[in-house]
Every structure is written in C-alpha cells, then in structure tokens.
C-alpha cells in the first residue's frame, strides 16, 4: 500500500511539472542598428522547453499593426498563453517568435521613399541575423515564417514577396495593402507632406504594392511560399484582401483564404493566431 501511495505521489509530481512548464516572453529587448542609427526594440517568445533542451527551433516573425509596438502581440494578442496552449495540445510545434518594433520615430516596415529610413534593410540585414545568432534558431527557409496584422499584414505580404527564398510560410491578417494605384499613392504622399518627383513615386509604388508584385512575379516564385490570408467580413480592409485573393486565383497560385465573422479587432486576431501557428507548423514539418 505504501509503494502504491509513493507511486501516486511521484506520478502527480511528474504530471504537475510537465503541465506547469510555460514559455517565456521578453518584450523590452533592444539592439543597436547602424542602418537606422538608433537602438531598436523587439520582443521574443521562447517555447516551454527552450531552457531545458539543446535543440534549435523554427522561427515566426510576428508583425504588429499601426499604433502598437513590439508589445502589441504580447499585451493584446496574448501570444504567450495562446502559443503555450497550441504547443501543449500538439497543434503547433515549439518555435521561437520574434516581434519587432516598427513604431519608434517612423511608422512602417518598408524602406522610406525618401531614402533616409530604410526599415526593410534593417529587418533583413540586421534584425534577422542578430536574433538568429542570439537564439537557437534554424536558419533555413523551411524553418522561417512571417505573419502580421493590419500594417504588419502588409509587411508580411511585402517581406515574403520581396524574399520568397527566405520564408516557408506567410500569414497576412487583415492586411493593409496600400493605395490601389500610383495616382492614389501620389495623393497620399502629398497629403502627408512628402515631396517626391513622379519618377521616384512610379518606381517605388509597384515594388511596394502586393497586387503589382503578384502581377509581375511568376507563379513559381509566389507559390514557393505557403500563403494563409485571413480577414473579417466586417473589416474595412476586406476589399483589398479580397483583391489579393482574386489576383492569386487568376494566377492559379495555391493559397488559403479565410473570411470569418468579425472586424478589425484584437478579438478577431486572437482567434486567428492559433490557426496561424498551426499553418506555419505544418510548413515547418515535412509533408
């Protein structure tokens, strides 16, 4: 009887330890950027077994929207509890999630048209090498994904379309895809008191517009990335996301397109995150 009791206690302790283990989030990290000439903030999620293993992990770059910073997905998106739950239930593989800050002195994930704030260069030439060397991250394309909401959804489109050789999956959520034409783009620059000549605007626009990039890239280039596009039926960005879906369909590019009940809200994106984690995890595995 005493041995049975001891076995029960031991089993209880093992069960408790295994299920109390959680991931960790650090949301006030920073490093120096020579390209942007300032320190840049970022947040990182480390999976539950990171400290107890020696393995390397796949990585998801998770981009915030306008008005937030690197803490957005931590504070409002509940990335810690949602990812822990997905890993525990087996719907997501353990991964590292990197959340950069695109809202310090300038807003956005692109290189500025005026050439004096090259955030995209910073992301690929400084942030990505920094975090992939600092943490035990697998550096191959098949173990790297990008996702984001709103402005970050637009960043997800651009990063994966600009560098399909680097990402296995891309998951734009409620993505802002920008002005619909070069003329609308010029009007936006003018309204923001940004002075550029017509030639620069006409050169910049097609390189930073999802529809233009899809039109000018080959099916094979686009399809080398697995796509999961998600937008609420009450979202004011619904039309732009639908146009991207139609453009991909017209090019016969495989992709997942989801329209669910909801708007441009954190409630919607918190429900999207488990699907994103499952989708990128499927891409990290061989299939």
C-alpha atoms as a PDB file:
ATOM      1  CA  UNK A   1       0.000   0.000   0.000  1.00  0.00           C
ATOM      2  CA  UNK A   2       2.860   2.353   0.865  1.00  0.00           C
ATOM      3  CA  UNK A   3       4.546   1.693  -2.502  1.00  0.00           C
ATOM      4  CA  UNK A   4       1.301   2.443  -4.332  1.00  0.00           C
ATOM      5  CA  UNK A   5       0.994   5.724  -2.421  1.00  0.00           C
ATOM      6  CA  UNK A   6       4.588   6.696  -3.300  1.00  0.00           C
ATOM      7  CA  UNK A   7       3.957   5.867  -6.971  1.00  0.00           C
ATOM      8  CA  UNK A   8       0.836   8.044  -6.911  1.00  0.00           C
ATOM      9  CA  UNK A   9       2.742  10.985  -5.406  1.00  0.00           C
ATOM     10  CA  UNK A  10       5.571  10.590  -7.943  1.00  0.00           C
ATOM     11  CA  UNK A  11       3.143  10.455 -10.846  1.00  0.00           C
ATOM     12  CA  UNK A  12       1.336  13.517  -9.541  1.00  0.00           C
ATOM     13  CA  UNK A  13       4.599  15.478  -9.288  1.00  0.00           C
ATOM     14  CA  UNK A  14       5.722  14.486 -12.796  1.00  0.00           C
ATOM     15  CA  UNK A  15       2.300  15.436 -14.184  1.00  0.00           C
ATOM     16  CA  UNK A  16       2.397  18.781 -12.353  1.00  0.00           C
ATOM     17  CA  UNK A  17       5.894  19.672 -13.532  1.00  0.00           C
ATOM     18  CA  UNK A  18       5.208  18.778 -17.172  1.00  0.00           C
ATOM     19  CA  UNK A  19       1.987  20.770 -17.337  1.00  0.00           C
ATOM     20  CA  UNK A  20       3.190  23.782 -15.319  1.00  0.00           C
ATOM     21  CA  UNK A  21       6.043  24.421 -17.734  1.00  0.00           C
ATOM     22  CA  UNK A  22       5.374  27.509 -19.829  1.00  0.00           C
ATOM     23  CA  UNK A  23       7.121  29.542 -22.427  1.00  0.00           C
ATOM     24  CA  UNK A  24       8.705  32.909 -21.710  1.00  0.00           C
ATOM     25  CA  UNK A  25       8.217  36.333 -23.256  1.00  0.00           C
ATOM     26  CA  UNK A  26      10.741  39.167 -23.120  1.00  0.00           C
ATOM     27  CA  UNK A  27       9.211  42.360 -24.520  1.00  0.00           C
ATOM     28  CA  UNK A  28      11.772  45.067 -23.725  1.00  0.00           C
ATOM     29  CA  UNK A  29      14.790  43.785 -25.639  1.00  0.00           C
ATOM     30  CA  UNK A  30      16.848  46.024 -27.896  1.00  0.00           C
ATOM     31  CA  UNK A  31      19.908  46.109 -30.099  1.00  0.00           C
ATOM     32  CA  UNK A  32      21.834  48.759 -31.995  1.00  0.00           C
ATOM     33  CA  UNK A  33      21.065  49.426 -35.655  1.00  0.00           C
ATOM     34  CA  UNK A  34      23.702  51.045 -37.841  1.00  0.00           C
ATOM     35  CA  UNK A  35      21.237  51.326 -40.734  1.00  0.00           C
ATOM     36  CA  UNK A  36      18.636  53.248 -38.708  1.00  0.00           C
ATOM     37  CA  UNK A  37      21.250  54.910 -36.487  1.00  0.00           C
ATOM     38  CA  UNK A  38      19.356  54.111 -33.291  1.00  0.00           C
ATOM     39  CA  UNK A  39      18.622  51.280 -30.891  1.00  0.00           C
ATOM     40  CA  UNK A  40      15.701  49.123 -31.998  1.00  0.00           C
ATOM     41  CA  UNK A  41      13.298  47.311 -29.690  1.00  0.00           C
ATOM     42  CA  UNK A  42      11.922  43.826 -30.149  1.00  0.00           C
ATOM     43  CA  UNK A  43      10.115  41.134 -28.184  1.00  0.00           C
ATOM     44  CA  UNK A  44      10.682  37.391 -28.252  1.00  0.00           C
ATOM     45  CA  UNK A  45       8.691  34.325 -27.225  1.00  0.00           C
ATOM     46  CA  UNK A  46      10.731  31.278 -26.216  1.00  0.00           C
ATOM     47  CA  UNK A  47       8.956  27.881 -26.077  1.00  0.00           C
ATOM     48  CA  UNK A  48       8.493  25.937 -22.813  1.00  0.00           C
ATOM     49  CA  UNK A  49      11.435  23.573 -23.355  1.00  0.00           C
ATOM     50  CA  UNK A  50      13.930  26.206 -24.535  1.00  0.00           C
ATOM     51  CA  UNK A  51      15.906  26.302 -21.274  1.00  0.00           C
ATOM     52  CA  UNK A  52      15.945  22.530 -20.798  1.00  0.00           C
ATOM     53  CA  UNK A  53      16.908  21.479 -24.316  1.00  0.00           C
ATOM     54  CA  UNK A  54      19.865  21.974 -26.616  1.00  0.00           C
ATOM     55  CA  UNK A  55      17.834  21.870 -29.821  1.00  0.00           C
ATOM     56  CA  UNK A  56      17.344  24.642 -32.356  1.00  0.00           C
ATOM     57  CA  UNK A  57      13.878  25.908 -33.263  1.00  0.00           C
ATOM     58  CA  UNK A  58      11.966  27.247 -36.237  1.00  0.00           C
ATOM     59  CA  UNK A  59      11.079  30.936 -36.109  1.00  0.00           C
ATOM     60  CA  UNK A  60       7.991  33.024 -36.742  1.00  0.00           C
ATOM     61  CA  UNK A  61       8.400  36.766 -37.286  1.00  0.00           C
ATOM     62  CA  UNK A  62       5.155  38.282 -35.995  1.00  0.00           C
ATOM     63  CA  UNK A  63       4.493  41.895 -37.014  1.00  0.00           C
ATOM     64  CA  UNK A  64       2.262  44.365 -35.162  1.00  0.00           C
ATOM     65  CA  UNK A  65      -0.139  46.914 -36.622  1.00  0.00           C
ATOM     66  CA  UNK A  66      -0.169  50.716 -36.688  1.00  0.00           C
ATOM     67  CA  UNK A  67      -0.480  52.238 -33.235  1.00  0.00           C
ATOM     68  CA  UNK A  68       1.211  49.314 -31.484  1.00  0.00           C
ATOM     69  CA  UNK A  69       4.828  48.379 -30.949  1.00  0.00           C
ATOM     70  CA  UNK A  70       6.699  45.155 -30.172  1.00  0.00           C
ATOM     71  CA  UNK A  71       4.499  44.638 -27.113  1.00  0.00           C
ATOM     72  CA  UNK A  72       1.220  44.575 -29.076  1.00  0.00           C
ATOM     73  CA  UNK A  73       1.093  40.835 -29.683  1.00  0.00           C
ATOM     74  CA  UNK A  74       2.234  40.276 -26.085  1.00  0.00           C
ATOM     75  CA  UNK A  75      -0.217  42.582 -24.336  1.00  0.00           C
ATOM     76  CA  UNK A  76      -3.287  42.408 -26.572  1.00  0.00           C
ATOM     77  CA  UNK A  77      -2.609  39.330 -28.698  1.00  0.00           C
ATOM     78  CA  UNK A  78      -1.876  37.073 -25.702  1.00  0.00           C
ATOM     79  CA  UNK A  79       0.893  35.377 -27.655  1.00  0.00           C
ATOM     80  CA  UNK A  80       2.288  33.628 -24.554  1.00  0.00           C
ATOM     81  CA  UNK A  81      -0.859  31.800 -23.436  1.00  0.00           C
ATOM     82  CA  UNK A  82      -2.126  31.084 -26.960  1.00  0.00           C
ATOM     83  CA  UNK A  83       1.198  29.657 -28.160  1.00  0.00           C
ATOM     84  CA  UNK A  84       1.761  27.647 -24.971  1.00  0.00           C
ATOM     85  CA  UNK A  85      -1.705  26.130 -25.350  1.00  0.00           C
ATOM     86  CA  UNK A  86      -1.168  25.275 -29.037  1.00  0.00           C
ATOM     87  CA  UNK A  87       2.171  23.598 -28.268  1.00  0.00           C
ATOM     88  CA  UNK A  88       0.741  21.666 -25.311  1.00  0.00           C
ATOM     89  CA  UNK A  89      -2.209  20.436 -27.406  1.00  0.00           C
ATOM     90  CA  UNK A  90       0.105  19.438 -30.274  1.00  0.00           C
ATOM     91  CA  UNK A  91      -1.428  21.756 -32.881  1.00  0.00           C
ATOM     92  CA  UNK A  92       1.784  23.799 -33.057  1.00  0.00           C
ATOM     93  CA  UNK A  93       5.406  22.775 -32.933  1.00  0.00           C
ATOM     94  CA  UNK A  94       7.682  24.501 -30.406  1.00  0.00           C
ATOM     95  CA  UNK A  95       9.005  27.640 -32.092  1.00  0.00           C
ATOM     96  CA  UNK A  96      10.608  30.976 -31.351  1.00  0.00           C
ATOM     97  CA  UNK A  97       8.503  34.046 -32.131  1.00  0.00           C
ATOM     98  CA  UNK A  98      10.221  37.367 -32.829  1.00  0.00           C
ATOM     99  CA  UNK A  99       8.154  40.566 -32.643  1.00  0.00           C
ATOM    100  CA  UNK A 100       9.968  43.681 -33.930  1.00  0.00           C
ATOM    101  CA  UNK A 101       9.069  47.298 -33.215  1.00  0.00           C
ATOM    102  CA  UNK A 102       8.097  49.325 -36.292  1.00  0.00           C
ATOM    103  CA  UNK A 103       6.796  52.335 -34.392  1.00  0.00           C
ATOM    104  CA  UNK A 104       9.548  54.408 -32.807  1.00  0.00           C
ATOM    105  CA  UNK A 105      10.440  57.517 -34.814  1.00  0.00           C
ATOM    106  CA  UNK A 106       8.894  56.390 -38.124  1.00  0.00           C
ATOM    107  CA  UNK A 107       5.929  54.119 -38.775  1.00  0.00           C
ATOM    108  CA  UNK A 108       6.088  51.097 -41.063  1.00  0.00           C
ATOM    109  CA  UNK A 109       8.080  48.097 -42.267  1.00  0.00           C
ATOM    110  CA  UNK A 110       9.301  49.439 -45.634  1.00  0.00           C
ATOM    111  CA  UNK A 111      12.242  51.481 -46.797  1.00  0.00           C
ATOM    112  CA  UNK A 112      11.104  55.097 -46.908  1.00  0.00           C
ATOM    113  CA  UNK A 113      10.673  56.544 -50.403  1.00  0.00           C
ATOM    114  CA  UNK A 114      12.943  59.456 -49.422  1.00  0.00           C
ATOM    115  CA  UNK A 115      15.743  57.007 -48.677  1.00  0.00           C
ATOM    116  CA  UNK A 116      16.588  58.172 -45.150  1.00  0.00           C
ATOM    117  CA  UNK A 117      14.769  55.478 -43.128  1.00  0.00           C
ATOM    118  CA  UNK A 118      15.428  52.008 -44.537  1.00  0.00           C
ATOM    119  CA  UNK A 119      13.475  49.772 -42.170  1.00  0.00           C
ATOM    120  CA  UNK A 120      13.231  46.816 -44.540  1.00  0.00           C
ATOM    121  CA  UNK A 121      17.013  46.834 -44.973  1.00  0.00           C
ATOM    122  CA  UNK A 122      17.315  46.890 -41.186  1.00  0.00           C
ATOM    123  CA  UNK A 123      14.952  43.915 -40.818  1.00  0.00           C
ATOM    124  CA  UNK A 124      16.808  41.647 -43.228  1.00  0.00           C
ATOM    125  CA  UNK A 125      20.389  42.844 -42.766  1.00  0.00           C
ATOM    126  CA  UNK A 126      20.454  43.495 -39.010  1.00  0.00           C
ATOM    127  CA  UNK A 127      17.468  42.196 -37.028  1.00  0.00           C
ATOM    128  CA  UNK A 128      17.190  38.793 -38.657  1.00  0.00           C
ATOM    129  CA  UNK A 129      20.925  37.955 -38.382  1.00  0.00           C
ATOM    130  CA  UNK A 130      21.009  39.307 -34.827  1.00  0.00           C
ATOM    131  CA  UNK A 131      18.154  37.214 -33.418  1.00  0.00           C
ATOM    132  CA  UNK A 132      19.024  34.114 -35.435  1.00  0.00           C
ATOM    133  CA  UNK A 133      22.506  34.145 -33.929  1.00  0.00           C
ATOM    134  CA  UNK A 134      21.468  35.179 -30.414  1.00  0.00           C
ATOM    135  CA  UNK A 135      18.825  32.440 -30.086  1.00  0.00           C
ATOM    136  CA  UNK A 136      18.938  28.802 -31.175  1.00  0.00           C
ATOM    137  CA  UNK A 137      17.062  29.397 -34.436  1.00  0.00           C
ATOM    138  CA  UNK A 138      17.202  27.198 -37.517  1.00  0.00           C
ATOM    139  CA  UNK A 139      18.373  29.417 -40.374  1.00  0.00           C
ATOM    140  CA  UNK A 140      16.979  27.560 -43.391  1.00  0.00           C
ATOM    141  CA  UNK A 141      13.996  28.882 -45.384  1.00  0.00           C
ATOM    142  CA  UNK A 142      11.868  25.856 -44.465  1.00  0.00           C
ATOM    143  CA  UNK A 143      12.058  26.798 -40.782  1.00  0.00           C
ATOM    144  CA  UNK A 144      11.181  30.501 -41.153  1.00  0.00           C
ATOM    145  CA  UNK A 145       7.739  32.148 -41.398  1.00  0.00           C
ATOM    146  CA  UNK A 146       6.277  35.644 -41.262  1.00  0.00           C
ATOM    147  CA  UNK A 147       2.843  36.833 -40.147  1.00  0.00           C
ATOM    148  CA  UNK A 148       1.265  40.073 -39.029  1.00  0.00           C
ATOM    149  CA  UNK A 149      -1.896  42.096 -38.668  1.00  0.00           C
ATOM    150  CA  UNK A 150      -3.076  45.237 -40.484  1.00  0.00           C
ATOM    151  CA  UNK A 151       0.089  47.253 -41.193  1.00  0.00           C
ATOM    152  CA  UNK A 152       2.002  44.127 -40.181  1.00  0.00           C
ATOM    153  CA  UNK A 153      -0.135  42.108 -42.599  1.00  0.00           C
ATOM    154  CA  UNK A 154       1.037  44.445 -45.337  1.00  0.00           C
ATOM    155  CA  UNK A 155       4.593  43.944 -44.096  1.00  0.00           C
ATOM    156  CA  UNK A 156       4.070  40.171 -44.243  1.00  0.00           C
ATOM    157  CA  UNK A 157       2.988  40.416 -47.884  1.00  0.00           C
ATOM    158  CA  UNK A 158       5.964  42.598 -48.795  1.00  0.00           C
ATOM    159  CA  UNK A 159       8.617  40.604 -46.957  1.00  0.00           C
ATOM    160  CA  UNK A 160       7.500  37.258 -48.385  1.00  0.00           C
ATOM    161  CA  UNK A 161       7.018  38.646 -51.908  1.00  0.00           C
ATOM    162  CA  UNK A 162      10.331  40.509 -51.836  1.00  0.00           C
ATOM    163  CA  UNK A 163      12.171  37.484 -50.396  1.00  0.00           C
ATOM    164  CA  UNK A 164      10.315  34.258 -51.229  1.00  0.00           C
ATOM    165  CA  UNK A 165      13.662  32.491 -50.909  1.00  0.00           C
ATOM    166  CA  UNK A 166      13.668  33.203 -47.148  1.00  0.00           C
ATOM    167  CA  UNK A 167      10.199  32.209 -45.939  1.00  0.00           C
ATOM    168  CA  UNK A 168       8.381  28.883 -45.873  1.00  0.00           C
ATOM    169  CA  UNK A 169       5.026  30.467 -44.983  1.00  0.00           C
ATOM    170  CA  UNK A 170       3.391  33.877 -44.835  1.00  0.00           C
ATOM    171  CA  UNK A 171       0.179  34.719 -42.960  1.00  0.00           C
ATOM    172  CA  UNK A 172      -1.136  38.245 -43.550  1.00  0.00           C
ATOM    173  CA  UNK A 173      -4.082  39.010 -41.257  1.00  0.00           C
ATOM    174  CA  UNK A 174      -6.474  41.870 -42.058  1.00  0.00           C
ATOM    175  CA  UNK A 175      -3.657  43.198 -44.193  1.00  0.00           C
ATOM    176  CA  UNK A 176      -3.315  46.793 -45.313  1.00  0.00           C
ATOM    177  CA  UNK A 177      -2.128  46.500 -48.906  1.00  0.00           C
ATOM    178  CA  UNK A 178      -1.790  50.228 -49.548  1.00  0.00           C
ATOM    179  CA  UNK A 179      -3.153  52.596 -52.218  1.00  0.00           C
ATOM    180  CA  UNK A 180      -4.797  50.911 -55.196  1.00  0.00           C
ATOM    181  CA  UNK A 181      -2.953  52.903 -57.878  1.00  0.00           C
ATOM    182  CA  UNK A 182       0.145  55.009 -58.377  1.00  0.00           C
ATOM    183  CA  UNK A 183      -2.039  58.120 -58.594  1.00  0.00           C
ATOM    184  CA  UNK A 184      -3.626  57.305 -55.235  1.00  0.00           C
ATOM    185  CA  UNK A 185      -0.131  56.723 -53.873  1.00  0.00           C
ATOM    186  CA  UNK A 186       0.980  60.168 -55.061  1.00  0.00           C
ATOM    187  CA  UNK A 187      -2.067  61.734 -53.423  1.00  0.00           C
ATOM    188  CA  UNK A 188      -1.236  60.010 -50.154  1.00  0.00           C
ATOM    189  CA  UNK A 189       2.340  61.300 -50.259  1.00  0.00           C
ATOM    190  CA  UNK A 190       1.045  64.791 -50.946  1.00  0.00           C
ATOM    191  CA  UNK A 191      -1.450  64.641 -48.068  1.00  0.00           C
ATOM    192  CA  UNK A 192       1.405  63.582 -45.768  1.00  0.00           C
ATOM    193  CA  UNK A 193       3.563  66.486 -46.996  1.00  0.00           C
ATOM    194  CA  UNK A 194       6.109  64.114 -48.543  1.00  0.00           C
ATOM    195  CA  UNK A 195       7.733  65.688 -51.578  1.00  0.00           C
ATOM    196  CA  UNK A 196       8.983  63.268 -54.250  1.00  0.00           C
ATOM    197  CA  UNK A 197       9.055  63.510 -58.022  1.00  0.00           C
ATOM    198  CA  UNK A 198       6.761  61.468 -60.260  1.00  0.00           C
ATOM    199  CA  UNK A 199       9.558  59.184 -61.465  1.00  0.00           C
ATOM    200  CA  UNK A 200      10.504  58.141 -57.925  1.00  0.00           C
ATOM    201  CA  UNK A 201       6.867  57.548 -56.996  1.00  0.00           C
ATOM    202  CA  UNK A 202       6.207  55.488 -60.130  1.00  0.00           C
ATOM    203  CA  UNK A 203       9.331  53.408 -59.467  1.00  0.00           C
ATOM    204  CA  UNK A 204       8.607  52.872 -55.776  1.00  0.00           C
ATOM    205  CA  UNK A 205       4.897  52.035 -55.977  1.00  0.00           C
ATOM    206  CA  UNK A 206       4.919  48.702 -57.897  1.00  0.00           C
ATOM    207  CA  UNK A 207       7.686  47.375 -55.635  1.00  0.00           C
ATOM    208  CA  UNK A 208       5.613  48.063 -52.512  1.00  0.00           C
ATOM    209  CA  UNK A 209       2.149  47.011 -53.646  1.00  0.00           C
ATOM    210  CA  UNK A 210       1.015  43.402 -53.251  1.00  0.00           C
ATOM    211  CA  UNK A 211      -1.168  43.406 -56.373  1.00  0.00           C
ATOM    212  CA  UNK A 212       1.622  44.798 -58.550  1.00  0.00           C
ATOM    213  CA  UNK A 213       4.156  42.327 -57.190  1.00  0.00           C
ATOM    214  CA  UNK A 214       1.811  39.381 -57.739  1.00  0.00           C
ATOM    215  CA  UNK A 215       1.204  40.553 -61.299  1.00  0.00           C
ATOM    216  CA  UNK A 216       4.924  40.851 -62.056  1.00  0.00           C
ATOM    217  CA  UNK A 217       6.173  37.677 -60.317  1.00  0.00           C
ATOM    218  CA  UNK A 218       5.994  34.143 -61.659  1.00  0.00           C
ATOM    219  CA  UNK A 219       3.557  31.623 -60.250  1.00  0.00           C
ATOM    220  CA  UNK A 220       6.531  29.514 -59.128  1.00  0.00           C
ATOM    221  CA  UNK A 221       8.106  32.392 -57.195  1.00  0.00           C
ATOM    222  CA  UNK A 222       4.902  33.229 -55.337  1.00  0.00           C
ATOM    223  CA  UNK A 223       3.968  29.606 -54.748  1.00  0.00           C
ATOM    224  CA  UNK A 224       7.342  28.825 -53.192  1.00  0.00           C
ATOM    225  CA  UNK A 225       5.795  30.423 -50.087  1.00  0.00           C
ATOM    226  CA  UNK A 226       2.770  28.833 -48.389  1.00  0.00           C
ATOM    227  CA  UNK A 227       0.069  31.506 -48.035  1.00  0.00           C
ATOM    228  CA  UNK A 228      -2.623  31.904 -45.371  1.00  0.00           C
ATOM    229  CA  UNK A 229      -4.674  35.090 -45.790  1.00  0.00           C
ATOM    230  CA  UNK A 230      -7.366  35.934 -43.234  1.00  0.00           C
ATOM    231  CA  UNK A 231      -9.705  38.935 -42.948  1.00  0.00           C
ATOM    232  CA  UNK A 232     -13.005  39.616 -41.183  1.00  0.00           C
ATOM    233  CA  UNK A 233     -16.182  40.173 -43.159  1.00  0.00           C
ATOM    234  CA  UNK A 234     -16.767  43.468 -41.314  1.00  0.00           C
ATOM    235  CA  UNK A 235     -13.177  44.676 -41.718  1.00  0.00           C
ATOM    236  CA  UNK A 236     -12.658  47.950 -43.611  1.00  0.00           C
ATOM    237  CA  UNK A 237      -9.672  46.251 -45.341  1.00  0.00           C
ATOM    238  CA  UNK A 238     -11.843  43.408 -46.640  1.00  0.00           C
ATOM    239  CA  UNK A 239     -11.784  44.674 -50.247  1.00  0.00           C
ATOM    240  CA  UNK A 240      -8.003  44.837 -50.531  1.00  0.00           C
ATOM    241  CA  UNK A 241      -7.566  41.340 -49.122  1.00  0.00           C
ATOM    242  CA  UNK A 242     -10.236  40.023 -51.487  1.00  0.00           C
ATOM    243  CA  UNK A 243      -8.463  41.627 -54.467  1.00  0.00           C
ATOM    244  CA  UNK A 244      -5.247  39.846 -53.481  1.00  0.00           C
ATOM    245  CA  UNK A 245      -7.174  36.572 -53.272  1.00  0.00           C
ATOM    246  CA  UNK A 246      -8.596  37.131 -56.765  1.00  0.00           C
ATOM    247  CA  UNK A 247      -5.149  38.025 -58.141  1.00  0.00           C
ATOM    248  CA  UNK A 248      -3.691  34.813 -56.706  1.00  0.00           C
ATOM    249  CA  UNK A 249      -6.613  32.789 -58.063  1.00  0.00           C
ATOM    250  CA  UNK A 250      -6.151  34.336 -61.512  1.00  0.00           C
ATOM    251  CA  UNK A 251      -2.504  33.277 -61.420  1.00  0.00           C
ATOM    252  CA  UNK A 252      -3.504  29.802 -60.162  1.00  0.00           C
ATOM    253  CA  UNK A 253      -1.345  30.230 -57.041  1.00  0.00           C
ATOM    254  CA  UNK A 254      -2.144  27.831 -54.211  1.00  0.00           C
ATOM    255  CA  UNK A 255      -3.178  29.678 -51.067  1.00  0.00           C
ATOM    256  CA  UNK A 256      -5.586  29.572 -48.147  1.00  0.00           C
ATOM    257  CA  UNK A 257      -8.088  32.439 -47.943  1.00  0.00           C
ATOM    258  CA  UNK A 258     -10.316  32.840 -44.904  1.00  0.00           C
ATOM    259  CA  UNK A 259     -13.201  35.230 -44.357  1.00  0.00           C
ATOM    260  CA  UNK A 260     -14.638  34.906 -40.866  1.00  0.00           C
ATOM    261  CA  UNK A 261     -17.210  36.838 -38.882  1.00  0.00           C
ATOM    262  CA  UNK A 262     -15.541  39.850 -37.320  1.00  0.00           C
ATOM    263  CA  UNK A 263     -13.873  43.193 -37.790  1.00  0.00           C
ATOM    264  CA  UNK A 264     -10.536  44.923 -37.368  1.00  0.00           C
ATOM    265  CA  UNK A 265     -10.163  43.939 -33.718  1.00  0.00           C
ATOM    266  CA  UNK A 266      -7.896  42.097 -31.317  1.00  0.00           C
ATOM    267  CA  UNK A 267     -10.753  39.697 -30.639  1.00  0.00           C
ATOM    268  CA  UNK A 268     -10.515  38.641 -34.283  1.00  0.00           C
ATOM    269  CA  UNK A 269      -6.717  38.379 -34.313  1.00  0.00           C
ATOM    270  CA  UNK A 270      -6.554  36.387 -31.079  1.00  0.00           C
ATOM    271  CA  UNK A 271      -8.809  33.851 -32.780  1.00  0.00           C
ATOM    272  CA  UNK A 272      -6.570  33.934 -35.877  1.00  0.00           C
ATOM    273  CA  UNK A 273      -3.318  33.249 -34.025  1.00  0.00           C
ATOM    274  CA  UNK A 274      -3.937  29.527 -33.250  1.00  0.00           C
ATOM    275  CA  UNK A 275      -4.680  28.941 -36.956  1.00  0.00           C
ATOM    276  CA  UNK A 276      -1.522  30.795 -37.924  1.00  0.00           C
ATOM    277  CA  UNK A 277       0.550  28.704 -35.520  1.00  0.00           C
ATOM    278  CA  UNK A 278      -0.940  25.501 -36.915  1.00  0.00           C
ATOM    279  CA  UNK A 279      -0.404  26.609 -40.516  1.00  0.00           C
ATOM    280  CA  UNK A 280       3.251  27.591 -40.091  1.00  0.00           C
ATOM    281  CA  UNK A 281       3.907  24.448 -38.038  1.00  0.00           C
ATOM    282  CA  UNK A 282       2.614  22.329 -40.928  1.00  0.00           C
ATOM    283  CA  UNK A 283       5.126  24.130 -43.128  1.00  0.00           C
ATOM    284  CA  UNK A 284       7.975  23.550 -40.676  1.00  0.00           C
ATOM    285  CA  UNK A 285       7.326  19.811 -40.874  1.00  0.00           C
ATOM    286  CA  UNK A 286       7.972  17.668 -43.912  1.00  0.00           C
ATOM    287  CA  UNK A 287       4.788  16.916 -45.805  1.00  0.00           C
END
